[in-house]
Amino acid sequence: MSNIVDELADKLAKDVIAAAEELDDDLLPNRVAEVIGASSPSTEEAFRTAVRVRMAEARARRFLAEQLAKGRAARQGDSEQTAKPV
């Protein structure tokens, strides 16, 4: 039973995060969690966990992309400086 709860909570978390971004509503996941919790505390916890995991992963991916861009820009700048005659 736990597997189906986790799967459904994760799918809902994905949809709610997308809706929150579209609506520019950071509180939407919390409000949805409260609705879920009124009838199923275990599903609420699975949903909150899925939201936290997905949002943390998205933040980490943005950070990684920024670091890669900085590193590539620095390498590009270094190669341009070494290519110029002195």
PDB file of N, CA and C in Angstrom:
ATOM      1  N   MET A   1       0.827  -1.200   0.000  1.00  0.00           N
ATOM      2  CA  MET A   1       0.000   0.000   0.000  1.00  0.00           C
ATOM      3  C   MET A   1       0.865   1.255   0.000  1.00  0.00           C
ATOM      4  N   SER A   2       1.975   1.203   0.708  1.00  0.00           N
ATOM      5  CA  SER A   2       2.871   2.355   0.782  1.00  0.00           C
ATOM      6  C   SER A   2       3.353   2.786  -0.592  1.00  0.00           C
ATOM      7  N   ASN A   3       3.609   1.817  -1.459  1.00  0.00           N
ATOM      8  CA  ASN A   3       4.095   2.135  -2.797  1.00  0.00           C
ATOM      9  C   ASN A   3       3.075   2.958  -3.580  1.00  0.00           C
ATOM     10  N   ILE A   4       1.818   2.587  -3.518  1.00  0.00           N
ATOM     11  CA  ILE A   4       0.791   3.337  -4.253  1.00  0.00           C
ATOM     12  C   ILE A   4       0.632   4.739  -3.660  1.00  0.00           C
ATOM     13  N   VAL A   5       0.729   4.860  -2.350  1.00  0.00           N
ATOM     14  CA  VAL A   5       0.640   6.178  -1.708  1.00  0.00           C
ATOM     15  C   VAL A   5       1.782   7.057  -2.194  1.00  0.00           C
ATOM     16  N   ASP A   6       2.994   6.502  -2.193  1.00  0.00           N
ATOM     17  CA  ASP A   6       4.160   7.271  -2.642  1.00  0.00           C
ATOM     18  C   ASP A   6       4.047   7.660  -4.111  1.00  0.00           C
ATOM     19  N   GLU A   7       3.596   6.737  -4.943  1.00  0.00           N
ATOM     20  CA  GLU A   7       3.456   7.028  -6.377  1.00  0.00           C
ATOM     21  C   GLU A   7       2.431   8.127  -6.625  1.00  0.00           C
ATOM     22  N   LEU A   8       1.274   8.006  -5.985  1.00  0.00           N
ATOM     23  CA  LEU A   8       0.225   9.014  -6.166  1.00  0.00           C
ATOM     24  C   LEU A   8       0.656  10.364  -5.598  1.00  0.00           C
ATOM     25  N   ALA A   9       1.298  10.342  -4.441  1.00  0.00           N
ATOM     26  CA  ALA A   9       1.764  11.590  -3.829  1.00  0.00           C
ATOM     27  C   ALA A   9       2.809  12.261  -4.710  1.00  0.00           C
ATOM     28  N   ASP A  10       3.712  11.475  -5.293  1.00  0.00           N
ATOM     29  CA  ASP A  10       4.746  12.043  -6.151  1.00  0.00           C
ATOM     30  C   ASP A  10       4.140  12.634  -7.422  1.00  0.00           C
ATOM     31  N   LYS A  11       3.197  11.928  -8.017  1.00  0.00           N
ATOM     32  CA  LYS A  11       2.545  12.448  -9.229  1.00  0.00           C
ATOM     33  C   LYS A  11       1.807  13.749  -8.912  1.00  0.00           C
ATOM     34  N   LEU A  12       1.099  13.774  -7.797  1.00  0.00           N
ATOM     35  CA  LEU A  12       0.395  14.992  -7.398  1.00  0.00           C
ATOM     36  C   LEU A  12       1.386  16.114  -7.100  1.00  0.00           C
ATOM     37  N   ALA A  13       2.482  15.794  -6.440  1.00  0.00           N
ATOM     38  CA  ALA A  13       3.499  16.809  -6.135  1.00  0.00           C
ATOM     39  C   ALA A  13       4.022  17.437  -7.418  1.00  0.00           C
ATOM     40  N   LYS A  14       4.299  16.617  -8.404  1.00  0.00           N
ATOM     41  CA  LYS A  14       4.788  17.122  -9.693  1.00  0.00           C
ATOM     42  C   LYS A  14       3.773  18.087 -10.310  1.00  0.00           C
ATOM     43  N   ASP A  15       2.505  17.691 -10.298  1.00  0.00           N
ATOM     44  CA  ASP A  15       1.448  18.530 -10.875  1.00  0.00           C
ATOM     45  C   ASP A  15       1.255  19.826 -10.079  1.00  0.00           C
ATOM     46  N   VAL A  16       1.302  19.731  -8.763  1.00  0.00           N
ATOM     47  CA  VAL A  16       1.092  20.911  -7.914  1.00  0.00           C
ATOM     48  C   VAL A  16       2.257  21.891  -8.054  1.00  0.00           C
ATOM     49  N   ILE A  17       3.473  21.383  -8.138  1.00  0.00           N
ATOM     50  CA  ILE A  17       4.627  22.268  -8.329  1.00  0.00           C
ATOM     51  C   ILE A  17       4.507  23.004  -9.658  1.00  0.00           C
ATOM     52  N   ALA A  18       4.106  22.296 -10.698  1.00  0.00           N
ATOM     53  CA  ALA A  18       3.921  22.936 -12.007  1.00  0.00           C
ATOM     54  C   ALA A  18       2.825  23.996 -11.930  1.00  0.00           C
ATOM     55  N   ALA A  19       1.726  23.679 -11.250  1.00  0.00           N
ATOM     56  CA  ALA A  19       0.632  24.644 -11.104  1.00  0.00           C
ATOM     57  C   ALA A  19       1.082  25.849 -10.278  1.00  0.00           C
ATOM     58  N   ALA A  20       1.845  25.615  -9.224  1.00  0.00           N
ATOM     59  CA  ALA A  20       2.334  26.713  -8.385  1.00  0.00           C
ATOM     60  C   ALA A  20       3.226  27.649  -9.188  1.00  0.00           C
ATOM     61  N   GLU A  21       4.058  27.080 -10.051  1.00  0.00           N
ATOM     62  CA  GLU A  21       4.914  27.913 -10.904  1.00  0.00           C
ATOM     63  C   GLU A  21       4.073  28.708 -11.898  1.00  0.00           C
ATOM     64  N   GLU A  22       3.098  28.039 -12.506  1.00  0.00           N
ATOM     65  CA  GLU A  22       2.235  28.716 -13.487  1.00  0.00           C
ATOM     66  C   GLU A  22       1.437  29.842 -12.845  1.00  0.00           C
ATOM     67  N   LEU A  23       0.947  29.596 -11.632  1.00  0.00           N
ATOM     68  CA  LEU A  23       0.125  30.580 -10.930  1.00  0.00           C
ATOM     69  C   LEU A  23       0.952  31.565 -10.103  1.00  0.00           C
ATOM     70  N   ASP A  24       2.261  31.342 -10.037  1.00  0.00           N
ATOM     71  CA  ASP A  24       3.153  32.136  -9.193  1.00  0.00           C
ATOM     72  C   ASP A  24       2.638  32.151  -7.752  1.00  0.00           C
ATOM     73  N   ASP A  25       2.362  30.946  -7.238  1.00  0.00           N
ATOM     74  CA  ASP A  25       1.773  30.772  -5.909  1.00  0.00           C
ATOM     75  C   ASP A  25       2.619  29.780  -5.109  1.00  0.00           C
ATOM     76  N   ASP A  26       3.569  30.292  -4.329  1.00  0.00           N
ATOM     77  CA  ASP A  26       4.460  29.440  -3.543  1.00  0.00           C
ATOM     78  C   ASP A  26       3.738  28.672  -2.436  1.00  0.00           C
ATOM     79  N   LEU A  27       2.570  29.128  -2.050  1.00  0.00           N
ATOM     80  CA  LEU A  27       1.843  28.493  -0.951  1.00  0.00           C
ATOM     81  C   LEU A  27       0.911  27.377  -1.407  1.00  0.00           C
ATOM     82  N   LEU A  28       0.750  27.209  -2.700  1.00  0.00           N
ATOM     83  CA  LEU A  28      -0.172  26.183  -3.203  1.00  0.00           C
ATOM     84  C   LEU A  28       0.159  24.790  -2.671  1.00  0.00           C
ATOM     85  N   PRO A  29       1.420  24.344  -2.691  1.00  0.00           N
ATOM     86  CA  PRO A  29       1.700  23.002  -2.154  1.00  0.00           C
ATOM     87  C   PRO A  29       1.268  22.837  -0.693  1.00  0.00           C
ATOM     88  N   ASN A  30       1.433  23.869   0.122  1.00  0.00           N
ATOM     89  CA  ASN A  30       1.009  23.778   1.526  1.00  0.00           C
ATOM     90  C   ASN A  30      -0.503  23.664   1.651  1.00  0.00           C
ATOM     91  N   ARG A  31      -1.213  24.424   0.846  1.00  0.00           N
ATOM     92  CA  ARG A  31      -2.679  24.368   0.904  1.00  0.00           C
ATOM     93  C   ARG A  31      -3.192  23.016   0.427  1.00  0.00           C
ATOM     94  N   VAL A  32      -2.578  22.476  -0.622  1.00  0.00           N
ATOM     95  CA  VAL A  32      -2.976  21.146  -1.106  1.00  0.00           C
ATOM     96  C   VAL A  32      -2.674  20.101  -0.029  1.00  0.00           C
ATOM     97  N   ALA A  33      -1.532  20.227   0.630  1.00  0.00           N
ATOM     98  CA  ALA A  33      -1.172  19.283   1.694  1.00  0.00           C
ATOM     99  C   ALA A  33      -2.204  19.299   2.818  1.00  0.00           C
ATOM    100  N   GLU A  34      -2.699  20.483   3.163  1.00  0.00           N
ATOM    101  CA  GLU A  34      -3.715  20.581   4.211  1.00  0.00           C
ATOM    102  C   GLU A  34      -5.003  19.882   3.791  1.00  0.00           C
ATOM    103  N   VAL A  35      -5.370  20.027   2.530  1.00  0.00           N
ATOM    104  CA  VAL A  35      -6.570  19.350   2.023  1.00  0.00           C
ATOM    105  C   VAL A  35      -6.384  17.840   2.107  1.00  0.00           C
ATOM    106  N   ILE A  36      -5.218  17.363   1.689  1.00  0.00           N
ATOM    107  CA  ILE A  36      -4.932  15.926   1.741  1.00  0.00           C
ATOM    108  C   ILE A  36      -4.956  15.439   3.190  1.00  0.00           C
ATOM    109  N   GLY A  37      -4.314  16.194   4.074  1.00  0.00           N
ATOM    110  CA  GLY A  37      -4.198  15.787   5.468  1.00  0.00           C
ATOM    111  C   GLY A  37      -5.524  15.660   6.187  1.00  0.00           C
ATOM    112  N   ALA A  38      -6.526  16.363   5.722  1.00  0.00           N
ATOM    113  CA  ALA A  38      -7.844  16.272   6.353  1.00  0.00           C
ATOM    114  C   ALA A  38      -8.425  14.870   6.233  1.00  0.00           C
ATOM    115  N   SER A  39      -8.024  14.138   5.197  1.00  0.00           N
ATOM    116  CA  SER A  39      -8.567  12.791   5.035  1.00  0.00           C
ATOM    117  C   SER A  39      -7.515  11.692   5.140  1.00  0.00           C
ATOM    118  N   SER A  40      -6.234  12.038   4.943  1.00  0.00           N
ATOM    119  CA  SER A  40      -5.196  11.007   4.997  1.00  0.00           C
ATOM    120  C   SER A  40      -3.852  11.601   5.411  1.00  0.00           C
ATOM    121  N   PRO A  41      -3.564  11.582   6.698  1.00  0.00           N
ATOM    122  CA  PRO A  41      -2.279  12.114   7.164  1.00  0.00           C
ATOM    123  C   PRO A  41      -1.066  11.418   6.538  1.00  0.00           C
ATOM    124  N   SER A  42      -1.161  10.123   6.299  1.00  0.00           N
ATOM    125  CA  SER A  42      -0.016   9.420   5.701  1.00  0.00           C
ATOM    126  C   SER A  42       0.211   9.872   4.263  1.00  0.00           C
ATOM    127  N   THR A  43      -0.855  10.135   3.535  1.00  0.00           N
ATOM    128  CA  THR A  43      -0.711  10.640   2.169  1.00  0.00           C
ATOM    129  C   THR A  43      -0.187  12.070   2.193  1.00  0.00           C
ATOM    130  N   GLU A  44      -0.624  12.851   3.177  1.00  0.00           N
ATOM    131  CA  GLU A  44      -0.114  14.218   3.314  1.00  0.00           C
ATOM    132  C   GLU A  44       1.400  14.204   3.501  1.00  0.00           C
ATOM    133  N   GLU A  45       1.885  13.336   4.375  1.00  0.00           N
ATOM    134  CA  GLU A  45       3.330  13.273   4.627  1.00  0.00           C
ATOM    135  C   GLU A  45       4.084  12.827   3.376  1.00  0.00           C
ATOM    136  N   ALA A  46       3.541  11.856   2.655  1.00  0.00           N
ATOM    137  CA  ALA A  46       4.182  11.409   1.412  1.00  0.00           C
ATOM    138  C   ALA A  46       4.210  12.543   0.389  1.00  0.00           C
ATOM    139  N   PHE A  47       3.125  13.299   0.314  1.00  0.00           N
ATOM    140  CA  PHE A  47       3.049  14.432  -0.611  1.00  0.00           C
ATOM    141  C   PHE A  47       4.063  15.509  -0.229  1.00  0.00           C
ATOM    142  N   ARG A  48       4.108  15.873   1.052  1.00  0.00           N
ATOM    143  CA  ARG A  48       5.056  16.906   1.495  1.00  0.00           C
ATOM    144  C   ARG A  48       6.498  16.474   1.227  1.00  0.00           C
ATOM    145  N   THR A  49       6.787  15.200   1.452  1.00  0.00           N
ATOM    146  CA  THR A  49       8.129  14.684   1.177  1.00  0.00           C
ATOM    147  C   THR A  49       8.439  14.780  -0.305  1.00  0.00           C
ATOM    148  N   ALA A  50       7.496  14.382  -1.148  1.00  0.00           N
ATOM    149  CA  ALA A  50       7.706  14.439  -2.599  1.00  0.00           C
ATOM    150  C   ALA A  50       7.923  15.876  -3.064  1.00  0.00           C
ATOM    151  N   VAL A  51       7.167  16.809  -2.517  1.00  0.00           N
ATOM    152  CA  VAL A  51       7.340  18.224  -2.879  1.00  0.00           C
ATOM    153  C   VAL A  51       8.734  18.695  -2.474  1.00  0.00           C
ATOM    154  N   ARG A  52       9.144  18.387  -1.246  1.00  0.00           N
ATOM    155  CA  ARG A  52      10.478  18.811  -0.778  1.00  0.00           C
ATOM    156  C   ARG A  52      11.581  18.225  -1.654  1.00  0.00           C
ATOM    157  N   VAL A  53      11.473  16.939  -1.965  1.00  0.00           N
ATOM    158  CA  VAL A  53      12.500  16.276  -2.774  1.00  0.00           C
ATOM    159  C   VAL A  53      12.554  16.882  -4.166  1.00  0.00           C
ATOM    160  N   ARG A  54      11.409  17.064  -4.792  1.00  0.00           N
ATOM    161  CA  ARG A  54      11.379  17.623  -6.153  1.00  0.00           C
ATOM    162  C   ARG A  54      11.882  19.072  -6.176  1.00  0.00           C
ATOM    163  N   MET A  55      11.511  19.863  -5.186  1.00  0.00           N
ATOM    164  CA  MET A  55      11.962  21.257  -5.156  1.00  0.00           C
ATOM    165  C   MET A  55      13.461  21.347  -4.862  1.00  0.00           C
ATOM    166  N   ALA A  56      13.958  20.480  -3.992  1.00  0.00           N
ATOM    167  CA  ALA A  56      15.396  20.459  -3.702  1.00  0.00           C
ATOM    168  C   ALA A  56      16.174  20.048  -4.944  1.00  0.00           C
ATOM    169  N   GLU A  57      15.659  19.073  -5.665  1.00  0.00           N
ATOM    170  CA  GLU A  57      16.329  18.631  -6.892  1.00  0.00           C
ATOM    171  C   GLU A  57      16.355  19.752  -7.927  1.00  0.00           C
ATOM    172  N   ALA A  58      15.264  20.480  -8.054  1.00  0.00           N
ATOM    173  CA  ALA A  58      15.208  21.596  -9.012  1.00  0.00           C
ATOM    174  C   ALA A  58      16.210  22.688  -8.625  1.00  0.00           C
ATOM    175  N   ARG A  59      16.297  23.004  -7.334  1.00  0.00           N
ATOM    176  CA  ARG A  59      17.278  24.002  -6.877  1.00  0.00           C
ATOM    177  C   ARG A  59      18.701  23.533  -7.147  1.00  0.00           C
ATOM    178  N   ALA A  60      18.959  22.267  -6.889  1.00  0.00           N
ATOM    179  CA  ALA A  60      20.299  21.719  -7.119  1.00  0.00           C
ATOM    180  C   ALA A  60      20.652  21.748  -8.603  1.00  0.00           C
ATOM    181  N   ARG A  61      19.698  21.454  -9.467  1.00  0.00           N
ATOM    182  CA  ARG A  61      19.957  21.493 -10.910  1.00  0.00           C
ATOM    183  C   ARG A  61      20.236  22.923 -11.391  1.00  0.00           C
ATOM    184  N   ARG A  62      19.487  23.898 -10.851  1.00  0.00           N
ATOM    185  CA  ARG A  62      19.756  25.297 -11.204  1.00  0.00           C
ATOM    186  C   ARG A  62      21.156  25.704 -10.753  1.00  0.00           C
ATOM    187  N   PHE A  63      21.525  25.306  -9.541  1.00  0.00           N
ATOM    188  CA  PHE A  63      22.855  25.612  -9.023  1.00  0.00           C
ATOM    189  C   PHE A  63      23.929  24.979  -9.905  1.00  0.00           C
ATOM    190  N   LEU A  64      23.742  23.733 -10.266  1.00  0.00           N
ATOM    191  CA  LEU A  64      24.706  23.042 -11.119  1.00  0.00           C
ATOM    192  C   LEU A  64      24.831  23.738 -12.467  1.00  0.00           C
ATOM    193  N   ALA A  65      23.710  24.123 -13.055  1.00  0.00           N
ATOM    194  CA  ALA A  65      23.742  24.825 -14.345  1.00  0.00           C
ATOM    195  C   ALA A  65      24.498  26.149 -14.222  1.00  0.00           C
ATOM    196  N   GLU A  66      24.273  26.873 -13.126  1.00  0.00           N
ATOM    197  CA  GLU A  66      24.986  28.142 -12.906  1.00  0.00           C
ATOM    198  C   GLU A  66      26.490  27.908 -12.774  1.00  0.00           C
ATOM    199  N   GLN A  67      26.865  26.890 -12.021  1.00  0.00           N
ATOM    200  CA  GLN A  67      28.285  26.598 -11.829  1.00  0.00           C
ATOM    201  C   GLN A  67      28.946  26.193 -13.140  1.00  0.00           C
ATOM    202  N   LEU A  68      28.259  25.377 -13.932  1.00  0.00           N
ATOM    203  CA  LEU A  68      28.793  24.989 -15.236  1.00  0.00           C
ATOM    204  C   LEU A  68      28.948  26.201 -16.144  1.00  0.00           C
ATOM    205  N   ALA A  69      27.955  27.084 -16.143  1.00  0.00           N
ATOM    206  CA  ALA A  69      28.028  28.284 -16.981  1.00  0.00           C
ATOM    207  C   ALA A  69      29.198  29.162 -16.559  1.00  0.00           C
ATOM    208  N   LYS A  70      29.388  29.331 -15.250  1.00  0.00           N
ATOM    209  CA  LYS A  70      30.517  30.134 -14.762  1.00  0.00           C
ATOM    210  C   LYS A  70      31.844  29.498 -15.159  1.00  0.00           C
ATOM    211  N   GLY A  71      31.945  28.198 -14.988  1.00  0.00           N
ATOM    212  CA  GLY A  71      33.177  27.498 -15.338  1.00  0.00           C
ATOM    213  C   GLY A  71      33.479  27.581 -16.819  1.00  0.00           C
ATOM    214  N   ARG A  72      32.454  27.408 -17.635  1.00  0.00           N
ATOM    215  CA  ARG A  72      32.643  27.491 -19.088  1.00  0.00           C
ATOM    216  C   ARG A  72      33.022  28.907 -19.509  1.00  0.00           C
ATOM    217  N   ALA A  73      32.387  29.901 -18.891  1.00  0.00           N
ATOM    218  CA  ALA A  73      32.715  31.294 -19.217  1.00  0.00           C
ATOM    219  C   ALA A  73      34.152  31.606 -18.818  1.00  0.00           C
ATOM    220  N   ALA A  74      34.577  31.105 -17.680  1.00  0.00           N
ATOM    221  CA  ALA A  74      35.951  31.342 -17.229  1.00  0.00           C
ATOM    222  C   ALA A  74      36.943  30.679 -18.175  1.00  0.00           C
ATOM    223  N   ARG A  75      36.646  29.459 -18.591  1.00  0.00           N
ATOM    224  CA  ARG A  75      37.536  28.771 -19.537  1.00  0.00           C
ATOM    225  C   ARG A  75      37.569  29.492 -20.865  1.00  0.00           C
ATOM    226  N   GLN A  76      36.406  29.977 -21.310  1.00  0.00           N
ATOM    227  CA  GLN A  76      36.333  30.719 -22.570  1.00  0.00           C
ATOM    228  C   GLN A  76      37.167  31.991 -22.470  1.00  0.00           C
ATOM    229  N   GLY A  77      37.057  32.690 -21.349  1.00  0.00           N
ATOM    230  CA  GLY A  77      37.844  33.903 -21.137  1.00  0.00           C
ATOM    231  C   GLY A  77      39.329  33.604 -21.102  1.00  0.00           C
ATOM    232  N   ASP A  78      39.708  32.497 -20.472  1.00  0.00           N
ATOM    233  CA  ASP A  78      41.118  32.102 -20.417  1.00  0.00           C
ATOM    234  C   ASP A  78      41.653  31.780 -21.802  1.00  0.00           C
ATOM    235  N   SER A  79      40.856  31.072 -22.598  1.00  0.00           N
ATOM    236  CA  SER A  79      41.332  30.695 -23.932  1.00  0.00           C
ATOM    237  C   SER A  79      41.413  31.912 -24.850  1.00  0.00           C
ATOM    238  N   GLU A  80      40.542  32.896 -24.655  1.00  0.00           N
ATOM    239  CA  GLU A  80      40.612  34.120 -25.462  1.00  0.00           C
ATOM    240  C   GLU A  80      41.853  34.932 -25.095  1.00  0.00           C
ATOM    241  N   GLN A  81      42.199  34.954 -23.824  1.00  0.00           N
ATOM    242  CA  GLN A  81      43.379  35.704 -23.387  1.00  0.00           C
ATOM    243  C   GLN A  81      44.659  35.048 -23.886  1.00  0.00           C
ATOM    244  N   THR A  82      44.713  33.736 -23.896  1.00  0.00           N
ATOM    245  CA  THR A  82      45.924  33.055 -24.354  1.00  0.00           C
ATOM    246  C   THR A  82      46.042  33.073 -25.863  1.00  0.00           C
ATOM    247  N   ALA A  83      44.941  33.284 -26.567  1.00  0.00           N
ATOM    248  CA  ALA A  83      44.974  33.315 -28.028  1.00  0.00           C
ATOM    249  C   ALA A  83      45.479  34.654 -28.559  1.00  0.00           C
ATOM    250  N   LYS A  84      45.412  35.717 -27.753  1.00  0.00           N
ATOM    251  CA  LYS A  84      45.841  37.047 -28.197  1.00  0.00           C
ATOM    252  C   LYS A  84      47.364  37.166 -28.110  1.00  0.00           C
ATOM    253  N   PRO A  85      47.983  37.699 -29.151  1.00  0.00           N
ATOM    254  CA  PRO A  85      49.432  37.905 -29.072  1.00  0.00           C
ATOM    255  C   PRO A  85      49.756  39.034 -28.096  1.00  0.00           C
ATOM    256  N   VAL A  86      50.848  38.873 -27.412  1.00  0.00           N
ATOM    257  CA  VAL A  86      51.265  39.866 -26.413  1.00  0.00           C
ATOM    258  C   VAL A  86      52.333  40.756 -26.967  1.00  0.00           C
TER     259      VAL A  86
END
